[in-house]
């Protein structure tokens, strides 16, 4: 399927770049793509969301509602927020808030299956307990 790019806008934020594109198919249907591109050790990693013409209005409404809720929650005192800057947390856990690499995932899975405790994995990966637990759940290794 050949597409024609009608509009593009780029947003660079740190090591991530976001592309917002409007494209047209051969059959003249319009759709939007939102692409995140980030540099990793051996190149770039891309994530893309495609919103097709028949879904754009619904997508826009849901996204708008999400933004409104985000603004409300951001000012909500009951939401737990870290008071410590990331740099301070990274003094103890240098890999905190950093993306997991495929090699990290493979090593985490192997060590966990071999019986390593979460506390030991924190030391191996220089990450907080919550990050280790979250990744194990993401990989389907922990409920």
N, C-alpha and C. Protein backbone atom coordinates (compact mmCIF):
# COMPACT_ATOMS: atom_id res chain seq x y z
N UNK A 1 0.85 -1.17 0.00
CA UNK A 1 0.00 0.00 0.00
C UNK A 1 0.90 1.24 0.00
N UNK A 2 0.79 2.03 -1.01
CA UNK A 2 1.58 3.25 -1.10
C UNK A 2 0.82 4.38 -0.41
N UNK A 3 1.56 5.16 0.37
CA UNK A 3 0.93 6.27 1.07
C UNK A 3 1.62 7.57 0.69
N UNK A 4 0.89 8.64 0.88
CA UNK A 4 1.40 9.97 0.59
C UNK A 4 1.38 10.76 1.89
N UNK A 5 2.52 11.34 2.23
CA UNK A 5 2.59 12.14 3.45
C UNK A 5 2.11 13.56 3.14
N UNK A 6 1.09 14.02 3.86
CA UNK A 6 0.50 15.33 3.62
C UNK A 6 0.98 16.38 4.62
N UNK A 7 1.35 15.93 5.82
CA UNK A 7 1.76 16.86 6.87
C UNK A 7 2.64 16.10 7.86
N UNK A 8 3.65 16.78 8.37
CA UNK A 8 4.46 16.19 9.42
C UNK A 8 4.95 17.29 10.36
N UNK A 9 5.00 16.93 11.62
CA UNK A 9 5.56 17.85 12.62
C UNK A 9 6.39 17.00 13.56
N UNK A 10 7.55 17.55 13.93
CA UNK A 10 8.51 16.81 14.76
C UNK A 10 8.68 17.53 16.09
N UNK A 11 8.75 16.73 17.17
CA UNK A 11 8.97 17.25 18.51
C UNK A 11 10.14 16.49 19.11
N UNK A 12 11.21 17.20 19.45
CA UNK A 12 12.39 16.57 20.04
C UNK A 12 12.41 16.88 21.52
N UNK A 13 12.45 15.83 22.33
CA UNK A 13 12.49 15.96 23.79
C UNK A 13 13.54 15.00 24.32
N UNK A 14 14.70 15.54 24.67
CA UNK A 14 15.79 14.70 25.18
C UNK A 14 16.24 13.70 24.13
N UNK A 15 16.31 12.43 24.51
CA UNK A 15 16.75 11.40 23.57
C UNK A 15 15.58 10.77 22.80
N UNK A 16 14.42 11.39 22.91
CA UNK A 16 13.24 10.91 22.18
C UNK A 16 12.80 11.95 21.16
N UNK A 17 12.36 11.47 20.01
CA UNK A 17 11.80 12.34 18.98
C UNK A 17 10.42 11.79 18.63
N UNK A 18 9.45 12.69 18.56
CA UNK A 18 8.08 12.31 18.23
C UNK A 18 7.74 12.91 16.87
N UNK A 19 7.12 12.10 16.02
CA UNK A 19 6.68 12.56 14.71
C UNK A 19 5.16 12.43 14.66
N UNK A 20 4.50 13.49 14.26
CA UNK A 20 3.05 13.52 14.09
C UNK A 20 2.80 13.71 12.60
N UNK A 21 2.21 12.72 11.96
CA UNK A 21 2.05 12.75 10.50
C UNK A 21 0.60 12.54 10.10
N UNK A 22 0.22 13.20 9.04
CA UNK A 22 -1.05 12.91 8.38
C UNK A 22 -0.69 12.34 7.02
N UNK A 23 -1.26 11.17 6.74
CA UNK A 23 -0.94 10.47 5.50
C UNK A 23 -2.22 10.13 4.75
N UNK A 24 -2.03 9.79 3.47
CA UNK A 24 -3.17 9.45 2.62
C UNK A 24 -2.85 8.15 1.88
N UNK A 25 -3.81 7.24 1.88
CA UNK A 25 -3.63 5.97 1.18
C UNK A 25 -3.89 6.17 -0.31
N UNK A 26 -3.62 5.12 -1.08
CA UNK A 26 -3.91 5.17 -2.52
C UNK A 26 -5.39 5.42 -2.79
N UNK A 27 -6.24 4.93 -1.88
CA UNK A 27 -7.68 5.10 -2.05
C UNK A 27 -8.17 6.44 -1.48
N UNK A 28 -7.23 7.33 -1.15
CA UNK A 28 -7.50 8.70 -0.69
C UNK A 28 -8.02 8.79 0.74
N UNK A 29 -7.95 7.71 1.52
CA UNK A 29 -8.33 7.77 2.93
C UNK A 29 -7.20 8.42 3.72
N UNK A 30 -7.57 9.23 4.69
CA UNK A 30 -6.58 9.88 5.54
C UNK A 30 -6.40 9.10 6.83
N UNK A 31 -5.19 9.17 7.38
CA UNK A 31 -4.94 8.60 8.70
C UNK A 31 -3.79 9.36 9.34
N UNK A 32 -3.70 9.20 10.65
CA UNK A 32 -2.66 9.89 11.43
C UNK A 32 -1.73 8.84 12.01
N UNK A 33 -0.44 9.15 12.01
CA UNK A 33 0.51 8.30 12.73
C UNK A 33 1.25 9.16 13.75
N UNK A 34 1.47 8.58 14.91
CA UNK A 34 2.29 9.21 15.95
C UNK A 34 3.41 8.22 16.20
N UNK A 35 4.65 8.65 15.97
CA UNK A 35 5.79 7.77 16.09
C UNK A 35 6.76 8.31 17.12
N UNK A 36 7.19 7.44 18.02
CA UNK A 36 8.24 7.78 18.97
C UNK A 36 9.50 7.07 18.49
N UNK A 37 10.59 7.82 18.41
CA UNK A 37 11.88 7.26 18.00
C UNK A 37 12.88 7.61 19.09
N UNK A 38 13.62 6.60 19.55
CA UNK A 38 14.64 6.89 20.56
C UNK A 38 15.89 6.10 20.25
N UNK A 39 17.02 6.73 20.54
CA UNK A 39 18.31 6.12 20.27
C UNK A 39 18.57 5.05 21.32
N UNK A 40 19.00 3.88 20.85
CA UNK A 40 19.43 2.82 21.74
C UNK A 40 20.85 2.43 21.33
N UNK A 41 21.44 1.51 22.05
CA UNK A 41 22.84 1.16 21.86
C UNK A 41 23.19 0.85 20.40
N UNK A 42 22.35 0.10 19.72
CA UNK A 42 22.70 -0.34 18.36
C UNK A 42 21.81 0.28 17.28
N UNK A 43 21.30 1.48 17.51
CA UNK A 43 20.48 2.15 16.48
C UNK A 43 19.34 2.92 17.10
N UNK A 44 18.16 2.73 16.53
CA UNK A 44 16.97 3.42 17.01
C UNK A 44 15.85 2.43 17.25
N UNK A 45 15.01 2.75 18.23
CA UNK A 45 13.82 1.97 18.52
C UNK A 45 12.62 2.85 18.16
N UNK A 46 11.66 2.27 17.46
CA UNK A 46 10.49 3.04 17.03
C UNK A 46 9.22 2.40 17.56
N UNK A 47 8.29 3.25 17.96
CA UNK A 47 6.95 2.81 18.37
C UNK A 47 5.97 3.69 17.62
N UNK A 48 4.96 3.07 17.04
CA UNK A 48 4.03 3.82 16.20
C UNK A 48 2.59 3.51 16.56
N UNK A 49 1.78 4.57 16.56
CA UNK A 49 0.34 4.44 16.71
C UNK A 49 -0.28 4.97 15.42
N UNK A 50 -1.17 4.18 14.86
CA UNK A 50 -1.86 4.61 13.63
C UNK A 50 -3.34 4.78 13.96
N UNK A 51 -3.89 5.93 13.59
CA UNK A 51 -5.31 6.19 13.83
C UNK A 51 -5.96 6.41 12.47
N UNK A 52 -6.86 5.51 12.13
CA UNK A 52 -7.47 5.57 10.80
C UNK A 52 -8.67 6.52 10.79
N UNK A 53 -8.97 6.98 9.60
CA UNK A 53 -9.97 8.02 9.37
C UNK A 53 -11.28 7.79 10.14
N UNK A 54 -11.76 6.56 10.12
CA UNK A 54 -13.05 6.28 10.77
C UNK A 54 -12.97 6.33 12.30
N UNK A 55 -11.75 6.38 12.85
CA UNK A 55 -11.58 6.40 14.30
C UNK A 55 -11.05 7.72 14.85
N UNK A 56 -10.73 8.65 13.98
CA UNK A 56 -10.07 9.88 14.43
C UNK A 56 -10.92 10.68 15.41
N UNK A 57 -12.20 10.83 15.13
CA UNK A 57 -13.05 11.62 16.03
C UNK A 57 -13.14 10.98 17.41
N UNK A 58 -13.36 9.67 17.46
CA UNK A 58 -13.42 8.96 18.75
C UNK A 58 -12.07 9.04 19.47
N UNK A 59 -10.99 8.84 18.73
CA UNK A 59 -9.65 8.92 19.31
C UNK A 59 -9.41 10.31 19.92
N UNK A 60 -9.80 11.33 19.19
CA UNK A 60 -9.62 12.70 19.66
C UNK A 60 -10.41 12.95 20.95
N UNK A 61 -11.65 12.48 21.00
CA UNK A 61 -12.47 12.66 22.20
C UNK A 61 -11.87 11.95 23.41
N UNK A 62 -11.45 10.72 23.22
CA UNK A 62 -10.87 9.96 24.33
C UNK A 62 -9.55 10.60 24.77
N UNK A 63 -8.74 11.01 23.83
CA UNK A 63 -7.46 11.64 24.16
C UNK A 63 -7.68 12.95 24.91
N UNK A 64 -8.65 13.73 24.47
CA UNK A 64 -8.98 14.99 25.15
C UNK A 64 -9.42 14.72 26.59
N UNK A 65 -10.27 13.70 26.79
CA UNK A 65 -10.70 13.33 28.14
C UNK A 65 -9.51 12.89 29.00
N UNK A 66 -8.61 12.16 28.40
CA UNK A 66 -7.42 11.71 29.12
C UNK A 66 -6.57 12.91 29.54
N UNK A 67 -6.40 13.88 28.68
CA UNK A 67 -5.62 15.09 29.02
C UNK A 67 -6.28 15.87 30.15
N UNK A 68 -7.60 15.99 30.10
CA UNK A 68 -8.31 16.70 31.17
C UNK A 68 -8.12 15.98 32.50
N UNK A 69 -8.24 14.66 32.50
CA UNK A 69 -8.05 13.88 33.72
C UNK A 69 -6.61 14.00 34.21
N UNK A 70 -5.66 13.99 33.29
CA UNK A 70 -4.25 14.15 33.65
C UNK A 70 -4.04 15.47 34.40
N UNK A 71 -4.61 16.53 33.87
CA UNK A 71 -4.47 17.85 34.52
C UNK A 71 -5.08 17.85 35.92
N UNK A 72 -6.22 17.19 36.07
CA UNK A 72 -6.84 17.09 37.39
C UNK A 72 -5.96 16.30 38.34
N UNK A 73 -5.48 15.16 37.90
CA UNK A 73 -4.67 14.29 38.75
C UNK A 73 -3.32 14.91 39.10
N UNK A 74 -2.78 15.68 38.20
CA UNK A 74 -1.49 16.33 38.44
C UNK A 74 -1.58 17.25 39.65
N UNK A 75 -2.72 17.84 39.87
CA UNK A 75 -2.91 18.76 40.99
C UNK A 75 -3.55 18.08 42.20
N UNK A 76 -3.78 16.77 42.11
CA UNK A 76 -4.42 16.03 43.20
C UNK A 76 -3.39 15.70 44.28
N UNK A 77 -3.63 16.17 45.52
CA UNK A 77 -2.64 15.91 46.57
C UNK A 77 -2.54 14.44 46.97
N UNK A 78 -3.56 13.62 46.67
CA UNK A 78 -3.52 12.22 47.07
C UNK A 78 -2.66 11.37 46.14
N UNK A 79 -2.29 11.91 44.99
CA UNK A 79 -1.44 11.16 44.06
C UNK A 79 -0.01 11.18 44.59
N UNK A 80 0.59 10.00 44.69
CA UNK A 80 1.95 9.91 45.20
C UNK A 80 2.91 10.40 44.14
N UNK A 81 3.74 11.34 44.52
CA UNK A 81 4.75 11.88 43.62
C UNK A 81 6.09 11.80 44.33
N UNK A 82 7.12 11.59 43.57
CA UNK A 82 8.44 11.56 44.18
C UNK A 82 8.89 13.00 44.44
N UNK A 83 9.38 13.24 45.62
CA UNK A 83 9.90 14.56 45.96
C UNK A 83 11.38 14.67 45.64
N UNK A 84 11.97 13.51 45.35
CA UNK A 84 13.39 13.49 45.06
C UNK A 84 13.61 13.58 43.56
N UNK A 85 14.53 14.41 43.13
CA UNK A 85 14.84 14.47 41.70
C UNK A 85 15.42 13.13 41.23
N UNK A 86 15.20 12.83 39.96
CA UNK A 86 15.69 11.58 39.38
C UNK A 86 17.20 11.44 39.60
N UNK A 87 17.94 12.52 39.45
CA UNK A 87 19.40 12.46 39.62
C UNK A 87 19.78 11.96 41.01
N UNK A 88 19.00 12.36 42.01
CA UNK A 88 19.28 11.91 43.38
C UNK A 88 19.00 10.42 43.52
N UNK A 89 17.91 9.95 42.94
CA UNK A 89 17.57 8.53 42.98
C UNK A 89 18.63 7.72 42.25
N UNK A 90 19.14 8.27 41.12
CA UNK A 90 20.12 7.55 40.33
C UNK A 90 21.50 7.47 41.01
N UNK A 91 21.70 8.22 42.08
CA UNK A 91 22.95 8.06 42.84
C UNK A 91 23.00 6.67 43.44
N UNK A 92 21.87 6.19 43.95
CA UNK A 92 21.81 4.86 44.54
C UNK A 92 21.48 3.79 43.49
N UNK A 93 20.63 4.15 42.54
CA UNK A 93 20.20 3.22 41.49
C UNK A 93 20.49 3.85 40.13
N UNK A 94 21.72 3.71 39.61
CA UNK A 94 22.11 4.39 38.37
C UNK A 94 21.22 4.12 37.16
N UNK A 95 20.56 2.96 37.13
CA UNK A 95 19.71 2.65 35.97
C UNK A 95 18.24 3.01 36.18
N UNK A 96 17.92 3.65 37.30
CA UNK A 96 16.54 4.05 37.56
C UNK A 96 16.04 4.94 36.44
N UNK A 97 14.83 4.67 35.97
CA UNK A 97 14.15 5.45 34.93
C UNK A 97 14.79 5.32 33.55
N UNK A 98 15.72 4.40 33.40
CA UNK A 98 16.34 4.15 32.10
C UNK A 98 15.59 3.00 31.43
N UNK A 99 15.54 2.99 30.08
CA UNK A 99 14.83 1.89 29.41
C UNK A 99 15.57 0.56 29.61
N UNK A 100 14.82 -0.51 29.61
CA UNK A 100 15.39 -1.85 29.69
C UNK A 100 15.85 -2.26 28.30
N UNK A 101 17.03 -2.83 28.21
CA UNK A 101 17.53 -3.32 26.91
C UNK A 101 17.11 -4.78 26.76
N UNK A 102 17.14 -5.30 25.54
CA UNK A 102 16.85 -6.73 25.35
C UNK A 102 17.82 -7.61 26.15
N UNK A 103 19.07 -7.17 26.25
CA UNK A 103 20.06 -7.93 27.03
C UNK A 103 19.68 -7.95 28.52
N UNK A 104 19.22 -6.78 29.03
CA UNK A 104 18.76 -6.71 30.42
C UNK A 104 17.61 -7.69 30.65
N UNK A 105 16.66 -7.68 29.73
CA UNK A 105 15.49 -8.56 29.86
C UNK A 105 15.91 -10.03 29.91
N UNK A 106 16.82 -10.40 29.01
CA UNK A 106 17.29 -11.78 28.95
C UNK A 106 18.00 -12.17 30.25
N UNK A 107 18.85 -11.29 30.73
CA UNK A 107 19.60 -11.55 31.97
C UNK A 107 18.65 -11.60 33.17
N UNK A 108 17.68 -10.68 33.23
CA UNK A 108 16.70 -10.67 34.32
C UNK A 108 15.93 -11.99 34.36
N UNK A 109 15.44 -12.40 33.21
CA UNK A 109 14.67 -13.65 33.13
C UNK A 109 15.52 -14.83 33.59
N UNK A 110 16.74 -14.90 33.11
CA UNK A 110 17.63 -16.00 33.45
C UNK A 110 17.93 -16.04 34.95
N UNK A 111 18.28 -14.90 35.52
CA UNK A 111 18.61 -14.84 36.95
C UNK A 111 17.40 -15.15 37.82
N UNK A 112 16.24 -14.64 37.42
CA UNK A 112 15.02 -14.88 38.20
C UNK A 112 14.65 -16.36 38.17
N UNK A 113 14.74 -16.97 37.00
CA UNK A 113 14.43 -18.40 36.87
C UNK A 113 15.43 -19.23 37.67
N UNK A 114 16.68 -18.74 37.75
CA UNK A 114 17.71 -19.44 38.54
C UNK A 114 17.52 -19.25 40.04
N UNK A 115 16.51 -18.46 40.46
CA UNK A 115 16.20 -18.34 41.87
C UNK A 115 16.73 -17.10 42.58
N UNK A 116 17.25 -16.14 41.85
CA UNK A 116 17.73 -14.92 42.49
C UNK A 116 16.56 -14.17 43.12
N UNK A 117 16.78 -13.62 44.30
CA UNK A 117 15.78 -12.83 45.00
C UNK A 117 15.72 -11.43 44.41
N UNK A 118 14.60 -10.75 44.61
CA UNK A 118 14.41 -9.38 44.10
C UNK A 118 15.52 -8.47 44.62
N UNK A 119 15.86 -8.61 45.90
CA UNK A 119 16.90 -7.77 46.51
C UNK A 119 18.23 -7.94 45.77
N UNK A 120 18.55 -9.18 45.39
CA UNK A 120 19.78 -9.44 44.64
C UNK A 120 19.71 -8.82 43.24
N UNK A 121 18.53 -8.91 42.64
CA UNK A 121 18.35 -8.35 41.28
C UNK A 121 18.49 -6.83 41.29
N UNK A 122 18.06 -6.19 42.39
CA UNK A 122 18.24 -4.74 42.53
C UNK A 122 19.72 -4.38 42.40
N UNK A 123 20.57 -5.17 43.04
CA UNK A 123 22.01 -4.91 43.02
C UNK A 123 22.64 -5.20 41.65
N UNK A 124 22.14 -6.23 41.00
CA UNK A 124 22.66 -6.59 39.67
C UNK A 124 22.32 -5.52 38.64
N UNK A 125 21.06 -5.04 38.68
CA UNK A 125 20.59 -4.13 37.63
C UNK A 125 20.63 -2.65 38.03
N UNK A 126 21.02 -2.36 39.28
CA UNK A 126 21.07 -0.98 39.77
C UNK A 126 19.73 -0.28 39.57
N UNK A 127 18.66 -1.00 39.96
CA UNK A 127 17.30 -0.49 39.83
C UNK A 127 16.55 -0.73 41.14
N UNK A 128 15.52 0.11 41.35
CA UNK A 128 14.70 -0.02 42.55
C UNK A 128 13.84 -1.28 42.49
N UNK A 129 13.41 -1.73 43.65
CA UNK A 129 12.57 -2.92 43.78
C UNK A 129 11.35 -2.84 42.86
N UNK A 130 10.68 -1.69 42.88
CA UNK A 130 9.47 -1.53 42.06
C UNK A 130 9.74 -1.75 40.58
N UNK A 131 10.90 -1.31 40.11
CA UNK A 131 11.24 -1.48 38.69
C UNK A 131 11.47 -2.95 38.36
N UNK A 132 12.12 -3.66 39.27
CA UNK A 132 12.38 -5.09 39.06
C UNK A 132 11.06 -5.86 39.05
N UNK A 133 10.22 -5.61 40.05
CA UNK A 133 8.92 -6.29 40.15
C UNK A 133 8.07 -5.98 38.92
N UNK A 134 8.03 -4.73 38.53
CA UNK A 134 7.24 -4.31 37.36
C UNK A 134 7.71 -5.02 36.10
N UNK A 135 9.03 -5.13 35.93
CA UNK A 135 9.56 -5.76 34.72
C UNK A 135 9.28 -7.27 34.73
N UNK A 136 9.39 -7.89 35.89
CA UNK A 136 9.08 -9.32 35.99
C UNK A 136 7.61 -9.57 35.65
N UNK A 137 6.73 -8.69 36.10
CA UNK A 137 5.31 -8.81 35.76
C UNK A 137 5.11 -8.61 34.26
N UNK A 138 5.78 -7.61 33.72
CA UNK A 138 5.68 -7.31 32.28
C UNK A 138 6.11 -8.52 31.44
N UNK A 139 7.12 -9.23 31.92
CA UNK A 139 7.64 -10.40 31.21
C UNK A 139 6.82 -11.66 31.49
N UNK A 140 5.80 -11.53 32.37
CA UNK A 140 4.94 -12.66 32.70
C UNK A 140 5.58 -13.65 33.66
N UNK A 141 6.60 -13.22 34.37
CA UNK A 141 7.31 -14.11 35.29
C UNK A 141 6.80 -13.99 36.72
N UNK A 142 6.02 -12.97 37.00
CA UNK A 142 5.54 -12.70 38.34
C UNK A 142 4.12 -12.20 38.25
N UNK A 143 3.28 -12.64 39.18
CA UNK A 143 1.88 -12.19 39.17
C UNK A 143 1.71 -11.00 40.07
